[in-house]
Amino acid sequence: MAKWAPQRKDTVNALADEILHNYGRGRVIIAIDGLEGAGTAGFADDLAEAFEAKGHTAFRASLNDFQQRRSLRLARGADSAEGFYQDTFDYSVLRRVLIEPFRLGGSAAFVTAAFDASRDVQVEPKWVTGPDDALLIVDGLFLNRPELAGLWNYSLWLDVPTEDSERRVTEDTGDADRTAVHAAGQALYRAAVSPRRKATAIIDNTDSEHPRRQFADSC
């Protein structure tokens, strides 16, 4: 018998309803973590659209827009998995210009992107404000590492097989060597943090058109 596969919109809407039930008022920050190639950005976009469709203001940000400059990212060498894990992102900037002012609410303005990694330059900040009741959805790698502990009201782990993650990244970049380094860096993260266990919810996103919620008794 074929296993039932929920539609993507149904899984996303169910998550949006759960989050709004638990955090219906105030400023709420949601993290969407996962391996590279797991589809975190697209899933985050869909979740933001679901919140908006339900009449709630939602903002989007990606950790990829808070990277360090190339000289710092590659200080340990382009083939360093530890460097990829430890040096890629600027968590202090993320906190200072996005997380902390968003949490303040009121008239405090925040920035949803601070760095353009493709050009290796800081971007001109675009300060935005929002209503007292608003959601911020942040996607990216390493979102449950110790430097970010306690920032998220709710966090998702998008689960895909490691081989699928590596294949998707190689197809996207055409660089198998980079894929190998990044995969090794993500293995360091999973060994150090066990992000799957820290997530509020786990979503099997192997089939991105039919993502499935996983629960503790079936993980």
C-alpha atoms as a PDB file:
ATOM      1  CA  MET A   1       0.000   0.000   0.000  1.00  0.00           C
ATOM      2  CA  ALA A   2       1.348   3.432  -0.960  1.00  0.00           C
ATOM      3  CA  LYS A   3       2.267   5.664   1.953  1.00  0.00           C
ATOM      4  CA  TRP A   4       0.149   8.793   2.240  1.00  0.00           C
ATOM      5  CA  ALA A   5       2.039  11.903   1.154  1.00  0.00           C
ATOM      6  CA  PRO A   6       0.723  15.308   2.250  1.00  0.00           C
ATOM      7  CA  GLN A   7       0.744  18.201  -0.165  1.00  0.00           C
ATOM      8  CA  ARG A   8       3.375  20.852   0.513  1.00  0.00           C
ATOM      9  CA  LYS A   9       0.795  23.572   1.160  1.00  0.00           C
ATOM     10  CA  ASP A  10      -0.981  21.372   3.719  1.00  0.00           C
ATOM     11  CA  THR A  11       2.221  20.714   5.696  1.00  0.00           C
ATOM     12  CA  VAL A  12       3.167  24.396   5.601  1.00  0.00           C
ATOM     13  CA  ASN A  13      -0.314  25.542   6.637  1.00  0.00           C
ATOM     14  CA  ALA A  14      -0.414  23.063   9.517  1.00  0.00           C
ATOM     15  CA  LEU A  15       2.919  24.407  10.795  1.00  0.00           C
ATOM     16  CA  ALA A  16       1.711  28.006  10.449  1.00  0.00           C
ATOM     17  CA  ASP A  17      -1.443  27.175  12.419  1.00  0.00           C
ATOM     18  CA  GLU A  18       0.584  25.477  15.164  1.00  0.00           C
ATOM     19  CA  ILE A  19       2.983  28.398  15.494  1.00  0.00           C
ATOM     20  CA  LEU A  20       0.174  30.968  15.549  1.00  0.00           C
ATOM     21  CA  HIS A  21      -1.684  28.933  18.164  1.00  0.00           C
ATOM     22  CA  ASN A  22       1.379  28.979  20.429  1.00  0.00           C
ATOM     23  CA  TYR A  23       2.714  32.439  19.533  1.00  0.00           C
ATOM     24  CA  GLY A  24      -0.229  34.493  18.364  1.00  0.00           C
ATOM     25  CA  ARG A  25       0.971  37.830  19.722  1.00  0.00           C
ATOM     26  CA  GLY A  26       4.194  39.802  19.918  1.00  0.00           C
ATOM     27  CA  ARG A  27       7.417  39.329  17.984  1.00  0.00           C
ATOM     28  CA  VAL A  28       8.173  35.724  17.041  1.00  0.00           C
ATOM     29  CA  ILE A  29      11.363  34.382  15.437  1.00  0.00           C
ATOM     30  CA  ILE A  30      11.412  31.072  13.589  1.00  0.00           C
ATOM     31  CA  ALA A  31      14.550  29.250  12.429  1.00  0.00           C
ATOM     32  CA  ILE A  32      14.568  26.849   9.486  1.00  0.00           C
ATOM     33  CA  ASP A  33      17.730  24.782   9.718  1.00  0.00           C
ATOM     34  CA  GLY A  34      18.965  21.897   7.603  1.00  0.00           C
ATOM     35  CA  LEU A  35      21.754  20.564   5.465  1.00  0.00           C
ATOM     36  CA  GLU A  36      22.891  22.554   2.467  1.00  0.00           C
ATOM     37  CA  GLY A  37      20.529  21.711  -0.359  1.00  0.00           C
ATOM     38  CA  ALA A  38      17.693  20.736   1.994  1.00  0.00           C
ATOM     39  CA  GLY A  39      15.452  23.501   0.623  1.00  0.00           C
ATOM     40  CA  THR A  40      15.340  25.760   3.677  1.00  0.00           C
ATOM     41  CA  ALA A  41      14.956  29.010   1.723  1.00  0.00           C
ATOM     42  CA  GLY A  42      12.005  27.836  -0.345  1.00  0.00           C
ATOM     43  CA  PHE A  43      10.303  26.328   2.681  1.00  0.00           C
ATOM     44  CA  ALA A  44      10.804  29.560   4.629  1.00  0.00           C
ATOM     45  CA  ASP A  45       9.329  31.582   1.758  1.00  0.00           C
ATOM     46  CA  ASP A  46       6.260  29.344   1.688  1.00  0.00           C
ATOM     47  CA  LEU A  47       5.815  29.583   5.449  1.00  0.00           C
ATOM     48  CA  ALA A  48       6.000  33.387   5.290  1.00  0.00           C
ATOM     49  CA  GLU A  49       3.345  33.379   2.561  1.00  0.00           C
ATOM     50  CA  ALA A  50       1.140  31.144   4.706  1.00  0.00           C
ATOM     51  CA  PHE A  51       1.370  33.577   7.620  1.00  0.00           C
ATOM     52  CA  GLU A  52       0.553  36.508   5.355  1.00  0.00           C
ATOM     53  CA  ALA A  53      -2.442  34.644   3.913  1.00  0.00           C
ATOM     54  CA  LYS A  54      -3.707  34.194   7.480  1.00  0.00           C
ATOM     55  CA  GLY A  55      -3.463  37.939   8.104  1.00  0.00           C
ATOM     56  CA  HIS A  56      -0.146  38.046   9.974  1.00  0.00           C
ATOM     57  CA  THR A  57       2.895  40.140   9.051  1.00  0.00           C
ATOM     58  CA  ALA A  58       5.931  38.013   8.266  1.00  0.00           C
ATOM     59  CA  PHE A  59       9.509  39.036   7.433  1.00  0.00           C
ATOM     60  CA  ARG A  60      12.169  36.875   5.765  1.00  0.00           C
ATOM     61  CA  ALA A  61      15.893  36.702   6.269  1.00  0.00           C
ATOM     62  CA  SER A  62      18.612  34.251   5.318  1.00  0.00           C
ATOM     63  CA  LEU A  63      21.836  33.551   7.155  1.00  0.00           C
ATOM     64  CA  ASN A  64      23.524  33.588   3.740  1.00  0.00           C
ATOM     65  CA  ASP A  65      23.081  37.375   3.826  1.00  0.00           C
ATOM     66  CA  PHE A  66      25.104  37.597   7.054  1.00  0.00           C
ATOM     67  CA  GLN A  67      28.354  36.028   5.917  1.00  0.00           C
ATOM     68  CA  GLN A  68      31.820  37.254   6.792  1.00  0.00           C
ATOM     69  CA  ARG A  69      34.103  38.650   4.113  1.00  0.00           C
ATOM     70  CA  ARG A  70      35.952  36.079   2.015  1.00  0.00           C
ATOM     71  CA  SER A  71      39.335  36.606   3.678  1.00  0.00           C
ATOM     72  CA  LEU A  72      37.814  35.637   7.030  1.00  0.00           C
ATOM     73  CA  ARG A  73      35.669  32.813   5.640  1.00  0.00           C
ATOM     74  CA  LEU A  74      38.719  31.218   4.029  1.00  0.00           C
ATOM     75  CA  ALA A  75      41.314  32.120   6.652  1.00  0.00           C
ATOM     76  CA  ARG A  76      41.854  28.427   7.476  1.00  0.00           C
ATOM     77  CA  GLY A  77      41.966  27.496   3.782  1.00  0.00           C
ATOM     78  CA  ALA A  78      39.380  26.727   1.140  1.00  0.00           C
ATOM     79  CA  ASP A  79      39.654  23.019   1.948  1.00  0.00           C
ATOM     80  CA  SER A  80      39.036  23.426   5.690  1.00  0.00           C
ATOM     81  CA  ALA A  81      35.794  21.874   6.943  1.00  0.00           C
ATOM     82  CA  GLU A  82      36.372  23.486  10.332  1.00  0.00           C
ATOM     83  CA  GLY A  83      36.757  26.853   8.642  1.00  0.00           C
ATOM     84  CA  PHE A  84      33.466  26.396   6.813  1.00  0.00           C
ATOM     85  CA  TYR A  85      31.713  25.540  10.076  1.00  0.00           C
ATOM     86  CA  GLN A  86      33.373  28.131  12.304  1.00  0.00           C
ATOM     87  CA  ASP A  87      34.059  31.107  10.033  1.00  0.00           C
ATOM     88  CA  THR A  88      31.368  31.422   7.368  1.00  0.00           C
ATOM     89  CA  PHE A  89      28.798  33.580   9.165  1.00  0.00           C
ATOM     90  CA  ASP A  90      28.904  36.754  11.233  1.00  0.00           C
ATOM     91  CA  TYR A  91      26.628  35.993  14.152  1.00  0.00           C
ATOM     92  CA  SER A  92      27.377  39.234  15.983  1.00  0.00           C
ATOM     93  CA  VAL A  93      26.066  41.279  13.043  1.00  0.00           C
ATOM     94  CA  LEU A  94      23.021  39.032  12.779  1.00  0.00           C
ATOM     95  CA  ARG A  95      22.210  39.686  16.420  1.00  0.00           C
ATOM     96  CA  ARG A  96      22.974  43.404  16.334  1.00  0.00           C
ATOM     97  CA  VAL A  97      21.110  44.537  13.243  1.00  0.00           C
ATOM     98  CA  LEU A  98      18.356  41.933  12.933  1.00  0.00           C
ATOM     99  CA  ILE A  99      17.522  39.794  15.953  1.00  0.00           C
ATOM    100  CA  GLU A 100      17.887  42.306  18.776  1.00  0.00           C
ATOM    101  CA  PRO A 101      16.066  45.241  17.140  1.00  0.00           C
ATOM    102  CA  PHE A 102      13.327  42.936  15.836  1.00  0.00           C
ATOM    103  CA  ARG A 103      12.793  41.673  19.378  1.00  0.00           C
ATOM    104  CA  LEU A 104      12.512  45.243  20.678  1.00  0.00           C
ATOM    105  CA  GLY A 105       9.462  45.968  18.548  1.00  0.00           C
ATOM    106  CA  GLY A 106       7.983  49.438  18.620  1.00  0.00           C
ATOM    107  CA  SER A 107       9.825  51.898  16.418  1.00  0.00           C
ATOM    108  CA  ALA A 108      13.101  49.907  16.423  1.00  0.00           C
ATOM    109  CA  ALA A 109      14.234  49.286  12.847  1.00  0.00           C
ATOM    110  CA  PHE A 110      16.049  46.167  11.703  1.00  0.00           C
ATOM    111  CA  VAL A 111      17.981  44.935   8.660  1.00  0.00           C
ATOM    112  CA  THR A 112      17.198  41.638   6.916  1.00  0.00           C
ATOM    113  CA  ALA A 113      20.406  41.471   4.844  1.00  0.00           C
ATOM    114  CA  ALA A 114      23.884  42.793   5.618  1.00  0.00           C
ATOM    115  CA  PHE A 115      26.353  41.166   3.203  1.00  0.00           C
ATOM    116  CA  ASP A 116      26.574  40.161  -0.439  1.00  0.00           C
ATOM    117  CA  ALA A 117      28.852  37.121  -0.536  1.00  0.00           C
ATOM    118  CA  SER A 118      28.934  36.964  -4.329  1.00  0.00           C
ATOM    119  CA  ARG A 119      30.508  40.436  -4.468  1.00  0.00           C
ATOM    120  CA  ASP A 120      32.220  40.098  -1.078  1.00  0.00           C
ATOM    121  CA  VAL A 121      30.893  43.451   0.127  1.00  0.00           C
ATOM    122  CA  GLN A 122      28.591  44.790   2.778  1.00  0.00           C
ATOM    123  CA  VAL A 123      25.254  45.887   1.381  1.00  0.00           C
ATOM    124  CA  GLU A 124      23.677  49.267   1.955  1.00  0.00           C
ATOM    125  CA  PRO A 125      21.416  48.619   4.951  1.00  0.00           C
ATOM    126  CA  LYS A 126      17.687  48.864   4.358  1.00  0.00           C
ATOM    127  CA  TRP A 127      16.130  49.535   7.726  1.00  0.00           C
ATOM    128  CA  VAL A 128      12.552  48.359   8.101  1.00  0.00           C
ATOM    129  CA  THR A 129      10.000  48.364  10.896  1.00  0.00           C
ATOM    130  CA  GLY A 130       6.944  46.260  11.575  1.00  0.00           C
ATOM    131  CA  PRO A 131       3.852  46.037  13.739  1.00  0.00           C
ATOM    132  CA  ASP A 132       3.974  44.865  17.345  1.00  0.00           C
ATOM    133  CA  ASP A 133       2.698  41.457  16.248  1.00  0.00           C
ATOM    134  CA  ALA A 134       5.027  40.081  13.572  1.00  0.00           C
ATOM    135  CA  LEU A 135       6.974  36.971  12.646  1.00  0.00           C
ATOM    136  CA  LEU A 136      10.549  36.725  11.401  1.00  0.00           C
ATOM    137  CA  ILE A 137      11.597  33.570   9.547  1.00  0.00           C
ATOM    138  CA  VAL A 138      15.346  32.949   9.234  1.00  0.00           C
ATOM    139  CA  ASP A 139      16.700  30.101   7.112  1.00  0.00           C
ATOM    140  CA  GLY A 140      20.207  28.780   6.770  1.00  0.00           C
ATOM    141  CA  LEU A 141      22.909  26.465   8.045  1.00  0.00           C
ATOM    142  CA  PHE A 142      24.073  26.011  11.633  1.00  0.00           C
ATOM    143  CA  LEU A 143      21.096  27.831  13.179  1.00  0.00           C
ATOM    144  CA  ASN A 144      21.170  25.755  16.368  1.00  0.00           C
ATOM    145  CA  ARG A 145      24.830  26.274  17.146  1.00  0.00           C
ATOM    146  CA  PRO A 146      25.706  27.597  20.656  1.00  0.00           C
ATOM    147  CA  GLU A 147      26.158  31.217  19.537  1.00  0.00           C
ATOM    148  CA  LEU A 148      22.480  31.331  18.568  1.00  0.00           C
ATOM    149  CA  ALA A 149      21.036  29.419  21.498  1.00  0.00           C
ATOM    150  CA  GLY A 150      17.862  30.959  22.865  1.00  0.00           C
ATOM    151  CA  LEU A 151      17.142  33.172  19.854  1.00  0.00           C
ATOM    152  CA  TRP A 152      14.368  31.117  18.315  1.00  0.00           C
ATOM    153  CA  ASN A 153      10.811  30.774  19.528  1.00  0.00           C
ATOM    154  CA  TYR A 154      10.342  27.840  17.164  1.00  0.00           C
ATOM    155  CA  SER A 155      12.800  25.939  14.984  1.00  0.00           C
ATOM    156  CA  LEU A 156      12.456  23.484  12.116  1.00  0.00           C
ATOM    157  CA  TRP A 157      14.953  20.936  10.898  1.00  0.00           C
ATOM    158  CA  LEU A 158      14.458  20.030   7.239  1.00  0.00           C
ATOM    159  CA  ASP A 159      15.599  16.454   6.933  1.00  0.00           C
ATOM    160  CA  VAL A 160      17.042  15.075   3.689  1.00  0.00           C
ATOM    161  CA  PRO A 161      19.467  12.190   3.138  1.00  0.00           C
ATOM    162  CA  THR A 162      23.091  13.298   3.168  1.00  0.00           C
ATOM    163  CA  GLU A 163      23.640  11.930  -0.335  1.00  0.00           C
ATOM    164  CA  ASP A 164      20.686  13.990  -1.626  1.00  0.00           C
ATOM    165  CA  SER A 165      22.101  17.119  -0.005  1.00  0.00           C
ATOM    166  CA  GLU A 166      25.521  16.587  -1.589  1.00  0.00           C
ATOM    167  CA  ARG A 167      24.059  15.768  -5.004  1.00  0.00           C
ATOM    168  CA  ARG A 168      21.884  18.901  -5.014  1.00  0.00           C
ATOM    169  CA  VAL A 169      24.781  21.145  -4.012  1.00  0.00           C
ATOM    170  CA  THR A 170      27.068  19.662  -6.670  1.00  0.00           C
ATOM    171  CA  GLU A 171      24.362  20.058  -9.319  1.00  0.00           C
ATOM    172  CA  ASP A 172      23.872  23.683  -8.269  1.00  0.00           C
ATOM    173  CA  THR A 173      27.546  24.673  -8.071  1.00  0.00           C
ATOM    174  CA  GLY A 174      29.284  22.179 -10.345  1.00  0.00           C
ATOM    175  CA  ASP A 175      32.035  21.984  -7.711  1.00  0.00           C
ATOM    176  CA  ALA A 176      32.394  18.534  -6.140  1.00  0.00           C
ATOM    177  CA  ASP A 177      35.425  19.635  -4.077  1.00  0.00           C
ATOM    178  CA  ARG A 178      33.446  22.466  -2.485  1.00  0.00           C
ATOM    179  CA  THR A 179      30.589  20.070  -1.817  1.00  0.00           C
ATOM    180  CA  ALA A 180      32.925  17.699   0.020  1.00  0.00           C
ATOM    181  CA  VAL A 181      34.328  20.466   2.227  1.00  0.00           C
ATOM    182  CA  HIS A 182      30.872  21.806   3.035  1.00  0.00           C
ATOM    183  CA  ALA A 183      29.543  18.323   3.786  1.00  0.00           C
ATOM    184  CA  ALA A 184      32.427  17.722   6.194  1.00  0.00           C
ATOM    185  CA  GLY A 185      31.735  21.068   7.906  1.00  0.00           C
ATOM    186  CA  GLN A 186      28.087  20.178   8.337  1.00  0.00           C
ATOM    187  CA  ALA A 187      29.103  16.817   9.790  1.00  0.00           C
ATOM    188  CA  LEU A 188      31.105  18.719  12.420  1.00  0.00           C
ATOM    189  CA  TYR A 189      27.976  20.743  13.236  1.00  0.00           C
ATOM    190  CA  ARG A 190      25.760  17.693  13.593  1.00  0.00           C
ATOM    191  CA  ALA A 191      28.317  15.922  15.773  1.00  0.00           C
ATOM    192  CA  ALA A 192      28.778  18.950  18.034  1.00  0.00           C
ATOM    193  CA  VAL A 193      25.189  20.138  18.326  1.00  0.00           C
ATOM    194  CA  SER A 194      22.751  17.367  17.286  1.00  0.00           C
ATOM    195  CA  PRO A 195      20.487  19.986  15.642  1.00  0.00           C
ATOM    196  CA  ARG A 196      17.815  17.428  14.794  1.00  0.00           C
ATOM    197  CA  ARG A 197      17.196  16.938  18.512  1.00  0.00           C
ATOM    198  CA  LYS A 198      17.116  20.663  19.213  1.00  0.00           C
ATOM    199  CA  ALA A 199      14.452  21.406  16.607  1.00  0.00           C
ATOM    200  CA  THR A 200      10.880  22.030  17.681  1.00  0.00           C
ATOM    201  CA  ALA A 201       9.696  20.155  14.588  1.00  0.00           C
ATOM    202  CA  ILE A 202      11.332  17.905  12.004  1.00  0.00           C
ATOM    203  CA  ILE A 203      10.182  17.901   8.406  1.00  0.00           C
ATOM    204  CA  ASP A 204      11.220  15.165   5.990  1.00  0.00           C
ATOM    205  CA  ASN A 205      11.840  17.238   2.857  1.00  0.00           C
ATOM    206  CA  THR A 206      13.259  14.454   0.702  1.00  0.00           C
ATOM    207  CA  ASP A 207      10.290  14.955  -1.608  1.00  0.00           C
ATOM    208  CA  SER A 208       9.929  18.729  -1.528  1.00  0.00           C
ATOM    209  CA  GLU A 209       6.469  18.597  -3.104  1.00  0.00           C
ATOM    210  CA  HIS A 210       5.276  16.312  -0.317  1.00  0.00           C
ATOM    211  CA  PRO A 211       7.164  17.265   2.865  1.00  0.00           C
ATOM    212  CA  ARG A 212       6.163  15.165   5.843  1.00  0.00           C
ATOM    213  CA  ARG A 213       6.165  16.034   9.552  1.00  0.00           C
ATOM    214  CA  GLN A 214       8.118  13.548  11.641  1.00  0.00           C
ATOM    215  CA  PHE A 215       7.487  12.928  15.311  1.00  0.00           C
ATOM    216  CA  ALA A 216       9.656  11.520  18.066  1.00  0.00           C
ATOM    217  CA  ASP A 217       8.246   8.019  17.810  1.00  0.00           C
ATOM    218  CA  SER A 218       9.030   7.840  14.077  1.00  0.00           C
ATOM    219  CA  CYS A 219      12.314   9.731  13.804  1.00  0.00           C
END
